[in-house]
C-alpha atoms as a PDB file:
ATOM      1  CA  UNK A   1      -8.586  -8.847  11.540  1.00  0.00           C
ATOM      2  CA  UNK A   2      -8.127  -5.153  11.393  1.00  0.00           C
ATOM      3  CA  UNK A   3      -4.996  -3.154  10.974  1.00  0.00           C
ATOM      4  CA  UNK A   4      -3.709   0.205  10.775  1.00  0.00           C
ATOM      5  CA  UNK A   5      -0.469   2.115   9.767  1.00  0.00           C
ATOM      6  CA  UNK A   6      -0.941   6.157  10.404  1.00  0.00           C
ATOM      7  CA  UNK A   7       1.731   8.062   9.386  1.00  0.00           C
ATOM      8  CA  UNK A   8       1.721  11.827  10.716  1.00  0.00           C
ATOM      9  CA  UNK A   9       4.989  13.229  10.494  1.00  0.00           C
ATOM     10  CA  UNK A  10       4.381  16.981   9.251  1.00  0.00           C
ATOM     11  CA  UNK A  11       7.848  16.995   7.557  1.00  0.00           C
ATOM     12  CA  UNK A  12       6.979  13.418   5.109  1.00  0.00           C
ATOM     13  CA  UNK A  13       3.677  14.913   4.731  1.00  0.00           C
ATOM     14  CA  UNK A  14       5.176  18.000   2.636  1.00  0.00           C
ATOM     15  CA  UNK A  15       7.413  16.022   0.827  1.00  0.00           C
ATOM     16  CA  UNK A  16       4.451  14.070  -0.850  1.00  0.00           C
ATOM     17  CA  UNK A  17       3.204  16.408  -2.942  1.00  0.00           C
ATOM     18  CA  UNK A  18       6.693  18.474  -3.031  1.00  0.00           C
ATOM     19  CA  UNK A  19       8.242  15.341  -4.941  1.00  0.00           C
ATOM     20  CA  UNK A  20       9.640  13.393  -2.387  1.00  0.00           C
ATOM     21  CA  UNK A  21       8.670  10.039  -1.188  1.00  0.00           C
ATOM     22  CA  UNK A  22       6.326   8.848   2.255  1.00  0.00           C
ATOM     23  CA  UNK A  23       6.981   5.124   3.005  1.00  0.00           C
ATOM     24  CA  UNK A  24       6.445   2.624   5.914  1.00  0.00           C
ATOM     25  CA  UNK A  25       7.193  -0.668   6.284  1.00  0.00           C
ATOM     26  CA  UNK A  26       6.023  -3.618   8.916  1.00  0.00           C
ATOM     27  CA  UNK A  27       7.097  -6.688   7.840  1.00  0.00           C
ATOM     28  CA  UNK A  28       6.886 -10.024   9.922  1.00  0.00           C
ATOM     29  CA  UNK A  29       3.773  -8.738  11.957  1.00  0.00           C
ATOM     30  CA  UNK A  30       2.183  -9.575  15.352  1.00  0.00           C
ATOM     31  CA  UNK A  31       1.092 -13.431  14.982  1.00  0.00           C
ATOM     32  CA  UNK A  32      -2.773 -12.332  14.897  1.00  0.00           C
ATOM     33  CA  UNK A  33      -2.430 -11.221  11.364  1.00  0.00           C
ATOM     34  CA  UNK A  34       1.134 -12.527  10.404  1.00  0.00           C
ATOM     35  CA  UNK A  35       1.580 -14.766   7.387  1.00  0.00           C
ATOM     36  CA  UNK A  36      -2.978 -13.918   6.353  1.00  0.00           C
ATOM     37  CA  UNK A  37      -3.901 -12.082   3.407  1.00  0.00           C
ATOM     38  CA  UNK A  38      -4.232  -8.660   5.550  1.00  0.00           C
ATOM     39  CA  UNK A  39      -1.404  -8.794   6.591  1.00  0.00           C
ATOM     40  CA  UNK A  40       0.215  -5.174   5.512  1.00  0.00           C
ATOM     41  CA  UNK A  41       4.000  -4.794   4.555  1.00  0.00           C
ATOM     42  CA  UNK A  42       4.175  -1.876   3.361  1.00  0.00           C
ATOM     43  CA  UNK A  43       2.761   1.989   2.169  1.00  0.00           C
ATOM     44  CA  UNK A  44       4.438   4.084  -0.324  1.00  0.00           C
ATOM     45  CA  UNK A  45       3.342   7.335  -1.297  1.00  0.00           C
ATOM     46  CA  UNK A  46       4.997   9.675  -3.845  1.00  0.00           C
ATOM     47  CA  UNK A  47       4.899  11.537  -7.065  1.00  0.00           C
ATOM     48  CA  UNK A  48       4.481  10.353 -10.352  1.00  0.00           C
ATOM     49  CA  UNK A  49       6.161  10.422 -13.380  1.00  0.00           C
ATOM     50  CA  UNK A  50       3.842  12.613 -14.343  1.00  0.00           C
ATOM     51  CA  UNK A  51       4.229  15.695 -11.786  1.00  0.00           C
ATOM     52  CA  UNK A  52       0.358  15.956 -11.794  1.00  0.00           C
ATOM     53  CA  UNK A  53      -0.266  12.710 -10.358  1.00  0.00           C
ATOM     54  CA  UNK A  54       0.167  11.083  -6.598  1.00  0.00           C
ATOM     55  CA  UNK A  55       1.100   7.359  -6.598  1.00  0.00           C
ATOM     56  CA  UNK A  56      -0.269   5.193  -4.078  1.00  0.00           C
ATOM     57  CA  UNK A  57       1.144   1.724  -3.152  1.00  0.00           C
ATOM     58  CA  UNK A  58       0.120  -0.784  -0.267  1.00  0.00           C
ATOM     59  CA  UNK A  59       1.443  -4.273  -0.480  1.00  0.00           C
ATOM     60  CA  UNK A  60       0.360  -7.151   1.897  1.00  0.00           C
ATOM     61  CA  UNK A  61       1.366 -10.904   1.851  1.00  0.00           C
ATOM     62  CA  UNK A  62       4.671 -10.483   2.760  1.00  0.00           C
ATOM     63  CA  UNK A  63       7.886 -12.803   2.799  1.00  0.00           C
ATOM     64  CA  UNK A  64       6.676 -14.860  -0.142  1.00  0.00           C
ATOM     65  CA  UNK A  65       8.800 -17.403  -2.091  1.00  0.00           C
ATOM     66  CA  UNK A  66       8.272 -17.668  -5.337  1.00  0.00           C
ATOM     67  CA  UNK A  67       6.470 -20.848  -5.057  1.00  0.00           C
ATOM     68  CA  UNK A  68       4.217 -19.370  -2.231  1.00  0.00           C
ATOM     69  CA  UNK A  69       4.093 -16.582  -4.571  1.00  0.00           C
ATOM     70  CA  UNK A  70       2.845 -18.726  -7.922  1.00  0.00           C
ATOM     71  CA  UNK A  71      -0.647 -19.539  -6.097  1.00  0.00           C
ATOM     72  CA  UNK A  72      -1.067 -16.563  -3.934  1.00  0.00           C
ATOM     73  CA  UNK A  73      -4.128 -14.102  -4.807  1.00  0.00           C
ATOM     74  CA  UNK A  74      -5.966 -11.565  -2.779  1.00  0.00           C
ATOM     75  CA  UNK A  75      -8.240 -12.289  -0.580  1.00  0.00           C
ATOM     76  CA  UNK A  76     -12.349 -11.125  -1.814  1.00  0.00           C
ATOM     77  CA  UNK A  77     -13.067 -10.556   1.700  1.00  0.00           C
ATOM     78  CA  UNK A  78     -10.570  -7.993   2.771  1.00  0.00           C
ATOM     79  CA  UNK A  79     -11.352  -4.255   1.694  1.00  0.00           C
ATOM     80  CA  UNK A  80      -7.568  -2.768   0.888  1.00  0.00           C
ATOM     81  CA  UNK A  81      -8.482   0.910   1.812  1.00  0.00           C
ATOM     82  CA  UNK A  82      -5.318   4.357   1.514  1.00  0.00           C
ATOM     83  CA  UNK A  83      -7.310   6.594   4.140  1.00  0.00           C
ATOM     84  CA  UNK A  84      -6.007  10.559   3.011  1.00  0.00           C
ATOM     85  CA  UNK A  85      -6.682  13.618   5.402  1.00  0.00           C
ATOM     86  CA  UNK A  86      -6.219  16.821   3.394  1.00  0.00           C
ATOM     87  CA  UNK A  87      -7.058  18.935   6.124  1.00  0.00           C
ATOM     88  CA  UNK A  88      -3.930  18.226   9.015  1.00  0.00           C
ATOM     89  CA  UNK A  89      -6.247  16.684  11.362  1.00  0.00           C
ATOM     90  CA  UNK A  90      -5.377  13.262  11.259  1.00  0.00           C
ATOM     91  CA  UNK A  91      -8.777  12.048  10.089  1.00  0.00           C
ATOM     92  CA  UNK A  92      -9.525  10.985   7.147  1.00  0.00           C
ATOM     93  CA  UNK A  93     -11.303  13.405   4.133  1.00  0.00           C
ATOM     94  CA  UNK A  94     -11.078  10.831   1.810  1.00  0.00           C
ATOM     95  CA  UNK A  95     -10.634   7.230   0.862  1.00  0.00           C
ATOM     96  CA  UNK A  96      -9.272   4.960  -1.993  1.00  0.00           C
ATOM     97  CA  UNK A  97     -10.755   1.337  -1.640  1.00  0.00           C
ATOM     98  CA  UNK A  98      -9.714  -1.223  -3.278  1.00  0.00           C
ATOM     99  CA  UNK A  99     -11.924  -4.842  -3.195  1.00  0.00           C
ATOM    100  CA  UNK A 100     -10.821  -8.195  -5.172  1.00  0.00           C
ATOM    101  CA  UNK A 101     -13.253 -10.194  -6.462  1.00  0.00           C
ATOM    102  CA  UNK A 102     -13.209 -12.643  -9.556  1.00  0.00           C
ATOM    103  CA  UNK A 103      -9.441 -11.928 -10.825  1.00  0.00           C
ATOM    104  CA  UNK A 104      -9.947  -8.402 -10.717  1.00  0.00           C
ATOM    105  CA  UNK A 105      -9.056  -5.598  -8.422  1.00  0.00           C
ATOM    106  CA  UNK A 106     -11.693  -2.835  -7.924  1.00  0.00           C
ATOM    107  CA  UNK A 107     -10.692   0.586  -7.168  1.00  0.00           C
ATOM    108  CA  UNK A 108     -13.274   3.046  -5.627  1.00  0.00           C
ATOM    109  CA  UNK A 109     -12.695   6.745  -5.056  1.00  0.00           C
ATOM    110  CA  UNK A 110     -10.682   8.573  -4.173  1.00  0.00           C
ATOM    111  CA  UNK A 111     -14.363   9.568  -1.946  1.00  0.00           C
ATOM    112  CA  UNK A 112     -15.419  10.707   1.179  1.00  0.00           C
ATOM    113  CA  UNK A 113     -15.932   7.959   3.478  1.00  0.00           C
ATOM    114  CA  UNK A 114     -19.022   6.804   4.840  1.00  0.00           C
ATOM    115  CA  UNK A 115     -17.666   6.873   7.993  1.00  0.00           C
ATOM    116  CA  UNK A 116     -14.582   7.509   9.470  1.00  0.00           C
ATOM    117  CA  UNK A 117     -12.174   5.523  12.007  1.00  0.00           C
ATOM    118  CA  UNK A 118     -12.319   1.747  12.136  1.00  0.00           C
ATOM    119  CA  UNK A 119     -15.639   1.855  10.111  1.00  0.00           C
ATOM    120  CA  UNK A 120     -15.269   0.551   6.252  1.00  0.00           C
ATOM    121  CA  UNK A 121     -17.835   0.613   3.812  1.00  0.00           C
ATOM    122  CA  UNK A 122     -17.683   0.601   0.331  1.00  0.00           C
ATOM    123  CA  UNK A 123     -18.560   3.748  -0.988  1.00  0.00           C
ATOM    124  CA  UNK A 124     -20.075   4.526  -4.545  1.00  0.00           C
ATOM    125  CA  UNK A 125     -19.142   2.378  -7.683  1.00  0.00           C
ATOM    126  CA  UNK A 126     -15.751   1.543  -9.321  1.00  0.00           C
ATOM    127  CA  UNK A 127     -13.558   4.357 -10.550  1.00  0.00           C
ATOM    128  CA  UNK A 128     -11.620   1.501 -12.517  1.00  0.00           C
ATOM    129  CA  UNK A 129     -11.151  -2.183 -12.590  1.00  0.00           C
ATOM    130  CA  UNK A 130      -7.918  -3.737 -13.293  1.00  0.00           C
ATOM    131  CA  UNK A 131      -7.161  -7.345 -14.387  1.00  0.00           C
ATOM    132  CA  UNK A 132      -5.143  -8.586 -11.538  1.00  0.00           C
ATOM    133  CA  UNK A 133      -1.782  -9.353 -13.026  1.00  0.00           C
ATOM    134  CA  UNK A 134      -0.736 -13.357 -12.735  1.00  0.00           C
ATOM    135  CA  UNK A 135       3.268 -14.201 -11.089  1.00  0.00           C
ATOM    136  CA  UNK A 136       5.380 -14.352 -14.350  1.00  0.00           C
ATOM    137  CA  UNK A 137       3.720 -12.245 -16.549  1.00  0.00           C
ATOM    138  CA  UNK A 138       5.793 -10.858 -19.234  1.00  0.00           C
ATOM    139  CA  UNK A 139       4.631  -6.851 -18.457  1.00  0.00           C
ATOM    140  CA  UNK A 140       1.757  -5.752 -16.368  1.00  0.00           C
ATOM    141  CA  UNK A 141      -1.885  -5.285 -16.659  1.00  0.00           C
ATOM    142  CA  UNK A 142      -2.988  -1.310 -16.255  1.00  0.00           C
ATOM    143  CA  UNK A 143      -6.142  -0.322 -16.755  1.00  0.00           C
ATOM    144  CA  UNK A 144      -6.863   3.680 -16.509  1.00  0.00           C
ATOM    145  CA  UNK A 145      -9.996   5.314 -16.223  1.00  0.00           C
ATOM    146  CA  UNK A 146     -12.078   8.049 -17.736  1.00  0.00           C
ATOM    147  CA  UNK A 147     -11.071  10.414 -14.989  1.00  0.00           C
ATOM    148  CA  UNK A 148      -6.896   9.627 -15.478  1.00  0.00           C
ATOM    149  CA  UNK A 149      -6.759   7.248 -12.152  1.00  0.00           C
ATOM    150  CA  UNK A 150      -4.744   4.388 -12.856  1.00  0.00           C
ATOM    151  CA  UNK A 151      -4.169   0.897 -11.277  1.00  0.00           C
ATOM    152  CA  UNK A 152      -2.509  -2.112 -11.142  1.00  0.00           C
ATOM    153  CA  UNK A 153      -2.725  -5.448  -8.968  1.00  0.00           C
ATOM    154  CA  UNK A 154      -0.716  -8.203  -8.929  1.00  0.00           C
ATOM    155  CA  UNK A 155       2.428 -10.112  -7.114  1.00  0.00           C
ATOM    156  CA  UNK A 156       5.977  -7.921  -7.229  1.00  0.00           C
ATOM    157  CA  UNK A 157       9.101  -8.329  -5.952  1.00  0.00           C
ATOM    158  CA  UNK A 158       9.401  -6.939  -2.334  1.00  0.00           C
ATOM    159  CA  UNK A 159      11.315  -3.347  -2.763  1.00  0.00           C
ATOM    160  CA  UNK A 160      11.804  -2.768   0.764  1.00  0.00           C
ATOM    161  CA  UNK A 161      15.340  -3.169   1.789  1.00  0.00           C
ATOM    162  CA  UNK A 162      16.115  -4.345   5.035  1.00  0.00           C
ATOM    163  CA  UNK A 163      19.297  -6.277   6.824  1.00  0.00           C
ATOM    164  CA  UNK A 164      17.216  -8.128   9.549  1.00  0.00           C
ATOM    165  CA  UNK A 165      20.336 -10.383  10.880  1.00  0.00           C
ATOM    166  CA  UNK A 166      22.025  -7.332  11.698  1.00  0.00           C
ATOM    167  CA  UNK A 167      19.099  -5.775  13.359  1.00  0.00           C
ATOM    168  CA  UNK A 168      19.079  -8.340  15.390  1.00  0.00           C
ATOM    169  CA  UNK A 169      22.346  -8.518  16.129  1.00  0.00           C
ATOM    170  CA  UNK A 170      22.364  -4.553  17.152  1.00  0.00           C
ATOM    171  CA  UNK A 171      19.352  -5.105  19.530  1.00  0.00           C
ATOM    172  CA  UNK A 172      21.192  -8.357  20.645  1.00  0.00           C
ATOM    173  CA  UNK A 173      23.958  -6.388  21.768  1.00  0.00           C
ATOM    174  CA  UNK A 174      26.652  -8.039  19.497  1.00  0.00           C
ATOM    175  CA  UNK A 175      26.753  -5.361  17.183  1.00  0.00           C
ATOM    176  CA  UNK A 176      26.760  -1.477  17.305  1.00  0.00           C
ATOM    177  CA  UNK A 177      25.512  -0.897  13.953  1.00  0.00           C
ATOM    178  CA  UNK A 178      24.545  -1.621  10.343  1.00  0.00           C
ATOM    179  CA  UNK A 179      27.022  -2.577   7.501  1.00  0.00           C
ATOM    180  CA  UNK A 180      27.520  -0.658   4.213  1.00  0.00           C
ATOM    181  CA  UNK A 181      26.564  -2.346   2.090  1.00  0.00           C
ATOM    182  CA  UNK A 182      24.189  -4.430   4.009  1.00  0.00           C
ATOM    183  CA  UNK A 183      22.433  -7.486   3.358  1.00  0.00           C
ATOM    184  CA  UNK A 184      18.750  -7.638   1.953  1.00  0.00           C
ATOM    185  CA  UNK A 185      16.812  -9.689   3.937  1.00  0.00           C
ATOM    186  CA  UNK A 186      14.030  -9.530   1.845  1.00  0.00           C
ATOM    187  CA  UNK A 187      15.888 -11.229  -1.754  1.00  0.00           C
ATOM    188  CA  UNK A 188      13.883 -12.972  -3.699  1.00  0.00           C
ATOM    189  CA  UNK A 189      10.744 -12.490  -1.610  1.00  0.00           C
ATOM    190  CA  UNK A 190       7.579 -11.043  -2.929  1.00  0.00           C
ATOM    191  CA  UNK A 191       4.633  -9.178  -1.879  1.00  0.00           C
ATOM    192  CA  UNK A 192       0.755  -8.633  -3.447  1.00  0.00           C
ATOM    193  CA  UNK A 193       0.450  -5.143  -4.429  1.00  0.00           C
ATOM    194  CA  UNK A 194      -2.231  -2.522  -5.296  1.00  0.00           C
ATOM    195  CA  UNK A 195      -0.795   0.251  -6.999  1.00  0.00           C
ATOM    196  CA  UNK A 196      -2.815   3.068  -7.612  1.00  0.00           C
ATOM    197  CA  UNK A 197      -2.102   6.725  -9.100  1.00  0.00           C
ATOM    198  CA  UNK A 198      -4.692   9.752  -9.082  1.00  0.00           C
ATOM    199  CA  UNK A 199      -4.784  13.255 -10.379  1.00  0.00           C
ATOM    200  CA  UNK A 200      -3.713  15.511  -7.610  1.00  0.00           C
ATOM    201  CA  UNK A 201      -6.756  17.368  -8.409  1.00  0.00           C
ATOM    202  CA  UNK A 202      -9.160  15.031  -7.426  1.00  0.00           C
ATOM    203  CA  UNK A 203      -7.349  14.823  -3.512  1.00  0.00           C
ATOM    204  CA  UNK A 204      -8.409  18.568  -2.730  1.00  0.00           C
ATOM    205  CA  UNK A 205      -5.170  19.564  -0.857  1.00  0.00           C
ATOM    206  CA  UNK A 206      -3.454  22.689  -0.100  1.00  0.00           C
ATOM    207  CA  UNK A 207      -0.272  20.883  -0.625  1.00  0.00           C
ATOM    208  CA  UNK A 208       0.277  18.545   2.539  1.00  0.00           C
ATOM    209  CA  UNK A 209      -1.658  15.051   2.680  1.00  0.00           C
ATOM    210  CA  UNK A 210      -1.857  12.595   6.001  1.00  0.00           C
ATOM    211  CA  UNK A 211      -1.910   8.612   4.524  1.00  0.00           C
ATOM    212  CA  UNK A 212      -2.251   5.655   6.499  1.00  0.00           C
ATOM    213  CA  UNK A 213      -3.295   2.411   4.945  1.00  0.00           C
ATOM    214  CA  UNK A 214      -5.880   0.125   6.453  1.00  0.00           C
ATOM    215  CA  UNK A 215      -6.650  -3.418   5.788  1.00  0.00           C
ATOM    216  CA  UNK A 216     -10.343  -4.775   6.954  1.00  0.00           C
ATOM    217  CA  UNK A 217     -12.976  -7.579   6.466  1.00  0.00           C
ATOM    218  CA  UNK A 218     -15.184  -7.053   3.530  1.00  0.00           C
ATOM    219  CA  UNK A 219     -18.946  -8.267   4.941  1.00  0.00           C
END
């Protein structure tokens, strides 16, 4: 199963290195991937607390209840891959690849991909390895590499706010606008999250980045 989320808006890309936030959400997907371990829910890219870093967040397995989250895990057969265009041609120049194995998330890159497009081959050796934080842990486990890359992997409360019922009312013609305040349809649900914070110096950017998130089978 393969799924791609592509973000190419120039205005949003300017915000990435200028201190803003770039995000995309895609909960409750098509039947082919809905509820599966490779189903993408969110992509976030924003400047870190350290202004010299960018934070990449990829969330999968959305709409999990606390009971489901307690037994959820990443899929060792799935690559979670951030694709990064730093030249403006909408073709990835770098990839950050995340592969789960035996309780740990292995983070590769940022590195030039073995091939562009829909192919995914893990490149090189892991830059950082982080144990997956279990559900209900008092504090997250964060690993840091010698090059300054930091990583987290594990369950998290779904950060995306959306009033799904009101959306359905609008699209169904029984309402004309959202309420203020709305009702968060995702409250109390969780996702499996991979967070990678990378020094901007490793991204070879001139000021704009295109970023998209992809999951693919790891054979």
